[in-house]
Amino acid sequence: MAFTRVEGRKKDHAIRLYALSTCGWCRRTKELLDSQDVEYEYIHVDLCEGEERDRVRTEVKELNPRGSFPTVKIDDEVIVGYDDDRILELLGGKGES
């Protein structure tokens, strides 16, 4: 899958963001992760094509049966929708949201 890696100083967690390129809440989730200087990877599901799109959508539905966005996986926890408090809690800190 064509995930884009965002380098960050903090590499304590495995973070994967499934997003849509046109979704404001997805954009806010990326901005929150960036503000925490964490390393993560993301994919814009709506920009995938063919078999790759099918694979990514299947993966999203396994994590989030509704298939809504954003879907964030931090280590073994899944967050559906924009939830800055929960993201910050899982990252182990407070910060600018």
PDB file of N, CA and C in Angstrom:
ATOM      1  N   MET A   1       0.842  -1.188   0.000  1.00  0.00           N
ATOM      2  CA  MET A   1       0.000   0.000   0.000  1.00  0.00           C
ATOM      3  C   MET A   1       0.880   1.241   0.000  1.00  0.00           C
ATOM      4  N   ALA A   2       0.381   2.267  -0.590  1.00  0.00           N
ATOM      5  CA  ALA A   2       1.160   3.485  -0.763  1.00  0.00           C
ATOM      6  C   ALA A   2       0.947   4.450   0.403  1.00  0.00           C
ATOM      7  N   PHE A   3       1.419   4.059   1.564  1.00  0.00           N
ATOM      8  CA  PHE A   3       1.338   4.963   2.708  1.00  0.00           C
ATOM      9  C   PHE A   3       2.464   5.980   2.614  1.00  0.00           C
ATOM     10  N   THR A   4       2.201   7.175   3.073  1.00  0.00           N
ATOM     11  CA  THR A   4       3.207   8.230   3.125  1.00  0.00           C
ATOM     12  C   THR A   4       3.686   8.329   4.561  1.00  0.00           C
ATOM     13  N   ARG A   5       4.994   8.252   4.748  1.00  0.00           N
ATOM     14  CA  ARG A   5       5.565   8.347   6.084  1.00  0.00           C
ATOM     15  C   ARG A   5       5.876   9.809   6.386  1.00  0.00           C
ATOM     16  N   VAL A   6       5.461  10.240   7.576  1.00  0.00           N
ATOM     17  CA  VAL A   6       5.765  11.582   8.054  1.00  0.00           C
ATOM     18  C   VAL A   6       6.773  11.415   9.186  1.00  0.00           C
ATOM     19  N   GLU A   7       7.945  11.967   8.975  1.00  0.00           N
ATOM     20  CA  GLU A   7       8.983  11.853   9.989  1.00  0.00           C
ATOM     21  C   GLU A   7       8.638  12.705  11.197  1.00  0.00           C
ATOM     22  N   GLY A   8       8.971  12.196  12.349  1.00  0.00           N
ATOM     23  CA  GLY A   8       8.760  12.932  13.582  1.00  0.00           C
ATOM     24  C   GLY A   8       9.852  12.563  14.572  1.00  0.00           C
ATOM     25  N   ARG A   9      10.079  13.451  15.506  1.00  0.00           N
ATOM     26  CA  ARG A   9      11.106  13.204  16.517  1.00  0.00           C
ATOM     27  C   ARG A   9      10.707  12.057  17.435  1.00  0.00           C
ATOM     28  N   LYS A  10       9.398  11.930  17.711  1.00  0.00           N
ATOM     29  CA  LYS A  10       8.903  10.894  18.619  1.00  0.00           C
ATOM     30  C   LYS A  10       8.482   9.667  17.805  1.00  0.00           C
ATOM     31  N   LYS A  11       9.121   8.540  18.125  1.00  0.00           N
ATOM     32  CA  LYS A  11       8.869   7.303  17.387  1.00  0.00           C
ATOM     33  C   LYS A  11       8.383   6.199  18.328  1.00  0.00           C
ATOM     34  N   ASP A  12       7.706   6.590  19.415  1.00  0.00           N
ATOM     35  CA  ASP A  12       7.303   5.646  20.459  1.00  0.00           C
ATOM     36  C   ASP A  12       6.103   4.792  20.069  1.00  0.00           C
ATOM     37  N   HIS A  13       5.339   5.201  19.076  1.00  0.00           N
ATOM     38  CA  HIS A  13       4.102   4.518  18.731  1.00  0.00           C
ATOM     39  C   HIS A  13       4.050   4.203  17.241  1.00  0.00           C
ATOM     40  N   ALA A  14       3.349   3.114  16.932  1.00  0.00           N
ATOM     41  CA  ALA A  14       3.046   2.798  15.533  1.00  0.00           C
ATOM     42  C   ALA A  14       1.714   3.463  15.222  1.00  0.00           C
ATOM     43  N   ILE A  15       1.742   4.470  14.351  1.00  0.00           N
ATOM     44  CA  ILE A  15       0.545   5.260  14.059  1.00  0.00           C
ATOM     45  C   ILE A  15       0.253   5.192  12.570  1.00  0.00           C
ATOM     46  N   ARG A  16      -0.986   4.837  12.270  1.00  0.00           N
ATOM     47  CA  ARG A  16      -1.423   4.753  10.876  1.00  0.00           C
ATOM     48  C   ARG A  16      -2.752   5.488  10.750  1.00  0.00           C
ATOM     49  N   LEU A  17      -2.823   6.422   9.815  1.00  0.00           N
ATOM     50  CA  LEU A  17      -4.018   7.225   9.585  1.00  0.00           C
ATOM     51  C   LEU A  17      -4.588   6.903   8.216  1.00  0.00           C
ATOM     52  N   TYR A  18      -5.857   6.525   8.210  1.00  0.00           N
ATOM     53  CA  TYR A  18      -6.606   6.316   6.969  1.00  0.00           C
ATOM     54  C   TYR A  18      -7.473   7.548   6.798  1.00  0.00           C
ATOM     55  N   ALA A  19      -7.304   8.250   5.695  1.00  0.00           N
ATOM     56  CA  ALA A  19      -7.950   9.549   5.521  1.00  0.00           C
ATOM     57  C   ALA A  19      -8.498   9.693   4.105  1.00  0.00           C
ATOM     58  N   LEU A  20      -9.297  10.739   3.938  1.00  0.00           N
ATOM     59  CA  LEU A  20      -9.748  11.160   2.617  1.00  0.00           C
ATOM     60  C   LEU A  20      -9.106  12.507   2.320  1.00  0.00           C
ATOM     61  N   SER A  21      -8.710  12.716   1.087  1.00  0.00           N
ATOM     62  CA  SER A  21      -7.998  13.945   0.725  1.00  0.00           C
ATOM     63  C   SER A  21      -8.872  15.193   0.878  1.00  0.00           C
ATOM     64  N   THR A  22     -10.189  15.026   0.853  1.00  0.00           N
ATOM     65  CA  THR A  22     -11.108  16.166   0.915  1.00  0.00           C
ATOM     66  C   THR A  22     -11.741  16.358   2.292  1.00  0.00           C
ATOM     67  N   CYS A  23     -11.332  15.579   3.270  1.00  0.00           N
ATOM     68  CA  CYS A  23     -11.970  15.565   4.596  1.00  0.00           C
ATOM     69  C   CYS A  23     -11.294  16.545   5.554  1.00  0.00           C
ATOM     70  N   GLY A  24     -12.063  17.518   6.023  1.00  0.00           N
ATOM     71  CA  GLY A  24     -11.524  18.486   6.976  1.00  0.00           C
ATOM     72  C   GLY A  24     -11.106  17.857   8.290  1.00  0.00           C
ATOM     73  N   TRP A  25     -11.865  16.880   8.786  1.00  0.00           N
ATOM     74  CA  TRP A  25     -11.503  16.207  10.042  1.00  0.00           C
ATOM     75  C   TRP A  25     -10.238  15.384   9.878  1.00  0.00           C
ATOM     76  N   CYS A  26     -10.043  14.820   8.698  1.00  0.00           N
ATOM     77  CA  CYS A  26      -8.801  14.085   8.414  1.00  0.00           C
ATOM     78  C   CYS A  26      -7.614  15.048   8.434  1.00  0.00           C
ATOM     79  N   ARG A  27      -7.796  16.210   7.838  1.00  0.00           N
ATOM     80  CA  ARG A  27      -6.743  17.231   7.812  1.00  0.00           C
ATOM     81  C   ARG A  27      -6.406  17.675   9.238  1.00  0.00           C
ATOM     82  N   ARG A  28      -7.426  17.878  10.055  1.00  0.00           N
ATOM     83  CA  ARG A  28      -7.187  18.274  11.458  1.00  0.00           C
ATOM     84  C   ARG A  28      -6.447  17.180  12.222  1.00  0.00           C
ATOM     85  N   THR A  29      -6.757  15.927  11.926  1.00  0.00           N
ATOM     86  CA  THR A  29      -6.055  14.817  12.581  1.00  0.00           C
ATOM     87  C   THR A  29      -4.576  14.842  12.211  1.00  0.00           C
ATOM     88  N   LYS A  30      -4.274  15.065  10.930  1.00  0.00           N
ATOM     89  CA  LYS A  30      -2.872  15.166  10.515  1.00  0.00           C
ATOM     90  C   LYS A  30      -2.184  16.342  11.198  1.00  0.00           C
ATOM     91  N   GLU A  31      -2.866  17.473  11.296  1.00  0.00           N
ATOM     92  CA  GLU A  31      -2.286  18.649  11.953  1.00  0.00           C
ATOM     93  C   GLU A  31      -2.002  18.365  13.423  1.00  0.00           C
ATOM     94  N   LEU A  32      -2.907  17.639  14.088  1.00  0.00           N
ATOM     95  CA  LEU A  32      -2.692  17.280  15.492  1.00  0.00           C
ATOM     96  C   LEU A  32      -1.470  16.384  15.627  1.00  0.00           C
ATOM     97  N   LEU A  33      -1.364  15.375  14.782  1.00  0.00           N
ATOM     98  CA  LEU A  33      -0.200  14.481  14.833  1.00  0.00           C
ATOM     99  C   LEU A  33       1.082  15.267  14.556  1.00  0.00           C
ATOM    100  N   ASP A  34       1.042  16.161  13.579  1.00  0.00           N
ATOM    101  CA  ASP A  34       2.214  16.987  13.277  1.00  0.00           C
ATOM    102  C   ASP A  34       2.604  17.842  14.482  1.00  0.00           C
ATOM    103  N   SER A  35       1.615  18.403  15.177  1.00  0.00           N
ATOM    104  CA  SER A  35       1.901  19.277  16.322  1.00  0.00           C
ATOM    105  C   SER A  35       2.551  18.518  17.471  1.00  0.00           C
ATOM    106  N   GLN A  36       2.358  17.201  17.488  1.00  0.00           N
ATOM    107  CA  GLN A  36       2.950  16.372  18.542  1.00  0.00           C
ATOM    108  C   GLN A  36       4.326  15.835  18.147  1.00  0.00           C
ATOM    109  N   ASP A  37       4.775  16.143  16.942  1.00  0.00           N
ATOM    110  CA  ASP A  37       6.086  15.743  16.427  1.00  0.00           C
ATOM    111  C   ASP A  37       6.291  14.226  16.490  1.00  0.00           C
ATOM    112  N   VAL A  38       5.215  13.484  16.175  1.00  0.00           N
ATOM    113  CA  VAL A  38       5.304  12.028  16.155  1.00  0.00           C
ATOM    114  C   VAL A  38       5.484  11.539  14.717  1.00  0.00           C
ATOM    115  N   GLU A  39       6.134  10.399  14.600  1.00  0.00           N
ATOM    116  CA  GLU A  39       6.262   9.771  13.304  1.00  0.00           C
ATOM    117  C   GLU A  39       4.980   8.978  13.048  1.00  0.00           C
ATOM    118  N   TYR A  40       4.437   9.096  11.856  1.00  0.00           N
ATOM    119  CA  TYR A  40       3.233   8.344  11.508  1.00  0.00           C
ATOM    120  C   TYR A  40       3.190   8.148  10.007  1.00  0.00           C
ATOM    121  N   GLU A  41       2.258   7.315   9.585  1.00  0.00           N
ATOM    122  CA  GLU A  41       2.039   7.145   8.160  1.00  0.00           C
ATOM    123  C   GLU A  41       0.559   7.288   7.881  1.00  0.00           C
ATOM    124  N   TYR A  42       0.272   7.792   6.684  1.00  0.00           N
ATOM    125  CA  TYR A  42      -1.118   7.997   6.302  1.00  0.00           C
ATOM    126  C   TYR A  42      -1.315   7.616   4.846  1.00  0.00           C
ATOM    127  N   ILE A  43      -2.595   7.410   4.520  1.00  0.00           N
ATOM    128  CA  ILE A  43      -2.963   7.152   3.130  1.00  0.00           C
ATOM    129  C   ILE A  43      -4.289   7.846   2.868  1.00  0.00           C
ATOM    130  N   HIS A  44      -4.392   8.458   1.710  1.00  0.00           N
ATOM    131  CA  HIS A  44      -5.657   9.038   1.266  1.00  0.00           C
ATOM    132  C   HIS A  44      -6.377   7.951   0.467  1.00  0.00           C
ATOM    133  N   VAL A  45      -7.351   7.340   1.097  1.00  0.00           N
ATOM    134  CA  VAL A  45      -8.035   6.193   0.515  1.00  0.00           C
ATOM    135  C   VAL A  45      -8.721   6.555  -0.800  1.00  0.00           C
ATOM    136  N   ASP A  46      -9.269   7.763  -0.880  1.00  0.00           N
ATOM    137  CA  ASP A  46      -9.977   8.162  -2.096  1.00  0.00           C
ATOM    138  C   ASP A  46      -9.054   8.355  -3.292  1.00  0.00           C
ATOM    139  N   LEU A  47      -7.761   8.446  -3.066  1.00  0.00           N
ATOM    140  CA  LEU A  47      -6.815   8.611  -4.166  1.00  0.00           C
ATOM    141  C   LEU A  47      -6.215   7.284  -4.627  1.00  0.00           C
ATOM    142  N   CYS A  48      -6.519   6.204  -3.911  1.00  0.00           N
ATOM    143  CA  CYS A  48      -6.057   4.875  -4.319  1.00  0.00           C
ATOM    144  C   CYS A  48      -6.917   4.387  -5.479  1.00  0.00           C
ATOM    145  N   GLU A  49      -6.346   3.480  -6.258  1.00  0.00           N
ATOM    146  CA  GLU A  49      -7.075   2.951  -7.407  1.00  0.00           C
ATOM    147  C   GLU A  49      -6.983   1.434  -7.443  1.00  0.00           C
ATOM    148  N   GLY A  50      -7.959   0.840  -8.091  1.00  0.00           N
ATOM    149  CA  GLY A  50      -7.933  -0.592  -8.386  1.00  0.00           C
ATOM    150  C   GLY A  50      -7.803  -1.476  -7.160  1.00  0.00           C
ATOM    151  N   GLU A  51      -6.921  -2.471  -7.290  1.00  0.00           N
ATOM    152  CA  GLU A  51      -6.733  -3.451  -6.215  1.00  0.00           C
ATOM    153  C   GLU A  51      -6.220  -2.810  -4.937  1.00  0.00           C
ATOM    154  N   GLU A  52      -5.377  -1.795  -5.068  1.00  0.00           N
ATOM    155  CA  GLU A  52      -4.863  -1.113  -3.886  1.00  0.00           C
ATOM    156  C   GLU A  52      -6.022  -0.487  -3.102  1.00  0.00           C
ATOM    157  N   ARG A  53      -6.931   0.158  -3.799  1.00  0.00           N
ATOM    158  CA  ARG A  53      -8.087   0.781  -3.139  1.00  0.00           C
ATOM    159  C   ARG A  53      -8.925  -0.281  -2.430  1.00  0.00           C
ATOM    160  N   ASP A  54      -9.147  -1.405  -3.086  1.00  0.00           N
ATOM    161  CA  ASP A  54      -9.906  -2.493  -2.471  1.00  0.00           C
ATOM    162  C   ASP A  54      -9.221  -3.000  -1.207  1.00  0.00           C
ATOM    163  N   ARG A  55      -7.903  -3.175  -1.266  1.00  0.00           N
ATOM    164  CA  ARG A  55      -7.148  -3.666  -0.094  1.00  0.00           C
ATOM    165  C   ARG A  55      -7.246  -2.681   1.060  1.00  0.00           C
ATOM    166  N   VAL A  56      -7.064  -1.400   0.765  1.00  0.00           N
ATOM    167  CA  VAL A  56      -7.083  -0.388   1.829  1.00  0.00           C
ATOM    168  C   VAL A  56      -8.485  -0.275   2.431  1.00  0.00           C
ATOM    169  N   ARG A  57      -9.506  -0.281   1.605  1.00  0.00           N
ATOM    170  CA  ARG A  57     -10.881  -0.196   2.120  1.00  0.00           C
ATOM    171  C   ARG A  57     -11.213  -1.408   2.997  1.00  0.00           C
ATOM    172  N   THR A  58     -10.731  -2.587   2.606  1.00  0.00           N
ATOM    173  CA  THR A  58     -10.936  -3.784   3.417  1.00  0.00           C
ATOM    174  C   THR A  58     -10.244  -3.630   4.768  1.00  0.00           C
ATOM    175  N   GLU A  59      -9.039  -3.085   4.746  1.00  0.00           N
ATOM    176  CA  GLU A  59      -8.298  -2.873   5.995  1.00  0.00           C
ATOM    177  C   GLU A  59      -9.043  -1.881   6.900  1.00  0.00           C
ATOM    178  N   VAL A  60      -9.566  -0.807   6.326  1.00  0.00           N
ATOM    179  CA  VAL A  60     -10.325   0.173   7.113  1.00  0.00           C
ATOM    180  C   VAL A  60     -11.547  -0.500   7.733  1.00  0.00           C
ATOM    181  N   LYS A  61     -12.273  -1.289   6.943  1.00  0.00           N
ATOM    182  CA  LYS A  61     -13.492  -1.931   7.458  1.00  0.00           C
ATOM    183  C   LYS A  61     -13.190  -2.946   8.558  1.00  0.00           C
ATOM    184  N   GLU A  62     -12.007  -3.564   8.530  1.00  0.00           N
ATOM    185  CA  GLU A  62     -11.619  -4.471   9.617  1.00  0.00           C
ATOM    186  C   GLU A  62     -11.409  -3.686  10.913  1.00  0.00           C
ATOM    187  N   LEU A  63     -10.874  -2.483  10.803  1.00  0.00           N
ATOM    188  CA  LEU A  63     -10.638  -1.645  11.976  1.00  0.00           C
ATOM    189  C   LEU A  63     -11.905  -0.913  12.403  1.00  0.00           C
ATOM    190  N   ASN A  64     -12.709  -0.520  11.430  1.00  0.00           N
ATOM    191  CA  ASN A  64     -13.867   0.340  11.635  1.00  0.00           C
ATOM    192  C   ASN A  64     -14.970  -0.130  10.689  1.00  0.00           C
ATOM    193  N   PRO A  65     -15.861  -1.010  11.163  1.00  0.00           N
ATOM    194  CA  PRO A  65     -16.875  -1.598  10.282  1.00  0.00           C
ATOM    195  C   PRO A  65     -17.742  -0.588   9.520  1.00  0.00           C
ATOM    196  N   ARG A  66     -17.899   0.625  10.042  1.00  0.00           N
ATOM    197  CA  ARG A  66     -18.666   1.647   9.316  1.00  0.00           C
ATOM    198  C   ARG A  66     -17.900   2.171   8.112  1.00  0.00           C
ATOM    199  N   GLY A  67     -16.586   2.036   8.144  1.00  0.00           N
ATOM    200  CA  GLY A  67     -15.761   2.511   7.037  1.00  0.00           C
ATOM    201  C   GLY A  67     -15.703   4.019   6.934  1.00  0.00           C
ATOM    202  N   SER A  68     -15.826   4.712   8.070  1.00  0.00           N
ATOM    203  CA  SER A  68     -15.820   6.179   8.059  1.00  0.00           C
ATOM    204  C   SER A  68     -14.406   6.713   8.299  1.00  0.00           C
ATOM    205  N   PHE A  69     -14.262   8.009   8.086  1.00  0.00           N
ATOM    206  CA  PHE A  69     -12.946   8.648   8.154  1.00  0.00           C
ATOM    207  C   PHE A  69     -13.002   9.883   9.031  1.00  0.00           C
ATOM    208  N   PRO A  70     -11.902  10.230   9.661  1.00  0.00           N
ATOM    209  CA  PRO A  70     -10.644   9.500   9.700  1.00  0.00           C
ATOM    210  C   PRO A  70     -10.738   8.257  10.585  1.00  0.00           C
ATOM    211  N   THR A  71      -9.920   7.284  10.263  1.00  0.00           N
ATOM    212  CA  THR A  71      -9.713   6.122  11.111  1.00  0.00           C
ATOM    213  C   THR A  71      -8.228   6.123  11.452  1.00  0.00           C
ATOM    214  N   VAL A  72      -7.928   6.121  12.739  1.00  0.00           N
ATOM    215  CA  VAL A  72      -6.542   6.181  13.209  1.00  0.00           C
ATOM    216  C   VAL A  72      -6.255   4.948  14.033  1.00  0.00           C
ATOM    217  N   LYS A  73      -5.134   4.301  13.757  1.00  0.00           N
ATOM    218  CA  LYS A  73      -4.679   3.182  14.585  1.00  0.00           C
ATOM    219  C   LYS A  73      -3.392   3.613  15.266  1.00  0.00           C
ATOM    220  N   ILE A  74      -3.431   3.640  16.593  1.00  0.00           N
ATOM    221  CA  ILE A  74      -2.249   3.954  17.388  1.00  0.00           C
ATOM    222  C   ILE A  74      -1.935   2.709  18.192  1.00  0.00           C
ATOM    223  N   ASP A  75      -0.834   2.076  17.861  1.00  0.00           N
ATOM    224  CA  ASP A  75      -0.468   0.774  18.411  1.00  0.00           C
ATOM    225  C   ASP A  75      -1.636  -0.188  18.162  1.00  0.00           C
ATOM    226  N   ASP A  76      -2.312  -0.674  19.211  1.00  0.00           N
ATOM    227  CA  ASP A  76      -3.422  -1.612  19.022  1.00  0.00           C
ATOM    228  C   ASP A  76      -4.783  -0.963  19.207  1.00  0.00           C
ATOM    229  N   GLU A  77      -4.821   0.349  19.387  1.00  0.00           N
ATOM    230  CA  GLU A  77      -6.076   1.071  19.610  1.00  0.00           C
ATOM    231  C   GLU A  77      -6.542   1.740  18.317  1.00  0.00           C
ATOM    232  N   VAL A  78      -7.859   1.712  18.104  1.00  0.00           N
ATOM    233  CA  VAL A  78      -8.436   2.335  16.919  1.00  0.00           C
ATOM    234  C   VAL A  78      -9.334   3.488  17.355  1.00  0.00           C
ATOM    235  N   ILE A  79      -9.165   4.624  16.707  1.00  0.00           N
ATOM    236  CA  ILE A  79      -9.988   5.804  16.951  1.00  0.00           C
ATOM    237  C   ILE A  79     -10.734   6.107  15.659  1.00  0.00           C
ATOM    238  N   VAL A  80     -12.050   6.216  15.767  1.00  0.00           N
ATOM    239  CA  VAL A  80     -12.881   6.519  14.610  1.00  0.00           C
ATOM    240  C   VAL A  80     -13.363   7.949  14.749  1.00  0.00           C
ATOM    241  N   GLY A  81     -13.107   8.753  13.726  1.00  0.00           N
ATOM    242  CA  GLY A  81     -13.492  10.156  13.779  1.00  0.00           C
ATOM    243  C   GLY A  81     -12.395  10.985  14.429  1.00  0.00           C
ATOM    244  N   TYR A  82     -12.612  12.278  14.453  1.00  0.00           N
ATOM    245  CA  TYR A  82     -11.628  13.194  15.049  1.00  0.00           C
ATOM    246  C   TYR A  82     -11.867  13.248  16.548  1.00  0.00           C
ATOM    247  N   ASP A  83     -10.881  12.767  17.318  1.00  0.00           N
ATOM    248  CA  ASP A  83     -10.983  12.753  18.780  1.00  0.00           C
ATOM    249  C   ASP A  83      -9.621  13.164  19.336  1.00  0.00           C
ATOM    250  N   ASP A  84      -9.404  14.477  19.406  1.00  0.00           N
ATOM    251  CA  ASP A  84      -8.089  14.973  19.825  1.00  0.00           C
ATOM    252  C   ASP A  84      -7.738  14.532  21.238  1.00  0.00           C
ATOM    253  N   ASP A  85      -8.710  14.518  22.145  1.00  0.00           N
ATOM    254  CA  ASP A  85      -8.411  14.102  23.522  1.00  0.00           C
ATOM    255  C   ASP A  85      -7.915  12.664  23.578  1.00  0.00           C
ATOM    256  N   ARG A  86      -8.570  11.776  22.848  1.00  0.00           N
ATOM    257  CA  ARG A  86      -8.175  10.357  22.862  1.00  0.00           C
ATOM    258  C   ARG A  86      -6.814  10.174  22.192  1.00  0.00           C
ATOM    259  N   ILE A  87      -6.578  10.863  21.102  1.00  0.00           N
ATOM    260  CA  ILE A  87      -5.280  10.761  20.427  1.00  0.00           C
ATOM    261  C   ILE A  87      -4.176  11.208  21.379  1.00  0.00           C
ATOM    262  N   LEU A  88      -4.364  12.361  22.017  1.00  0.00           N
ATOM    263  CA  LEU A  88      -3.349  12.861  22.950  1.00  0.00           C
ATOM    264  C   LEU A  88      -3.159  11.911  24.124  1.00  0.00           C
ATOM    265  N   GLU A  89      -4.244  11.333  24.605  1.00  0.00           N
ATOM    266  CA  GLU A  89      -4.143  10.372  25.706  1.00  0.00           C
ATOM    267  C   GLU A  89      -3.300   9.169  25.305  1.00  0.00           C
ATOM    268  N   LEU A  90      -3.545   8.627  24.120  1.00  0.00           N
ATOM    269  CA  LEU A  90      -2.790   7.461  23.655  1.00  0.00           C
ATOM    270  C   LEU A  90      -1.330   7.799  23.373  1.00  0.00           C
ATOM    271  N   LEU A  91      -1.080   9.041  22.994  1.00  0.00           N
ATOM    272  CA  LEU A  91       0.301   9.450  22.737  1.00  0.00           C
ATOM    273  C   LEU A  91       1.031   9.757  24.035  1.00  0.00           C
ATOM    274  N   GLY A  92       0.274   9.820  25.139  1.00  0.00           N
ATOM    275  CA  GLY A  92       0.909   9.981  26.446  1.00  0.00           C
ATOM    276  C   GLY A  92       1.188  11.410  26.832  1.00  0.00           C
ATOM    277  N   GLY A  93       0.424  12.323  26.285  1.00  0.00           N
ATOM    278  CA  GLY A  93       0.710  13.704  26.681  1.00  0.00           C
ATOM    279  C   GLY A  93      -0.371  14.654  26.283  1.00  0.00           C
ATOM    280  N   LYS A  94      -0.185  15.808  26.739  1.00  0.00           N
ATOM    281  CA  LYS A  94      -1.057  16.921  26.353  1.00  0.00           C
ATOM    282  C   LYS A  94      -0.324  17.671  25.252  1.00  0.00           C
ATOM    283  N   GLY A  95      -0.880  18.716  24.805  1.00  0.00           N
ATOM    284  CA  GLY A  95      -0.183  19.500  23.795  1.00  0.00           C
ATOM    285  C   GLY A  95      -1.136  20.469  23.158  1.00  0.00           C
ATOM    286  N   GLU A  96      -0.667  21.065  22.118  1.00  0.00           N
ATOM    287  CA  GLU A  96      -1.495  21.996  21.372  1.00  0.00           C
ATOM    288  C   GLU A  96      -2.394  21.198  20.463  1.00  0.00           C
ATOM    289  N   SER A  97      -3.666  21.416  20.558  1.00  0.00           N
ATOM    290  CA  SER A  97      -4.588  20.697  19.682  1.00  0.00           C
ATOM    291  C   SER A  97      -5.246  21.654  18.726  1.00  0.00           C
TER     292      SER A  97
END
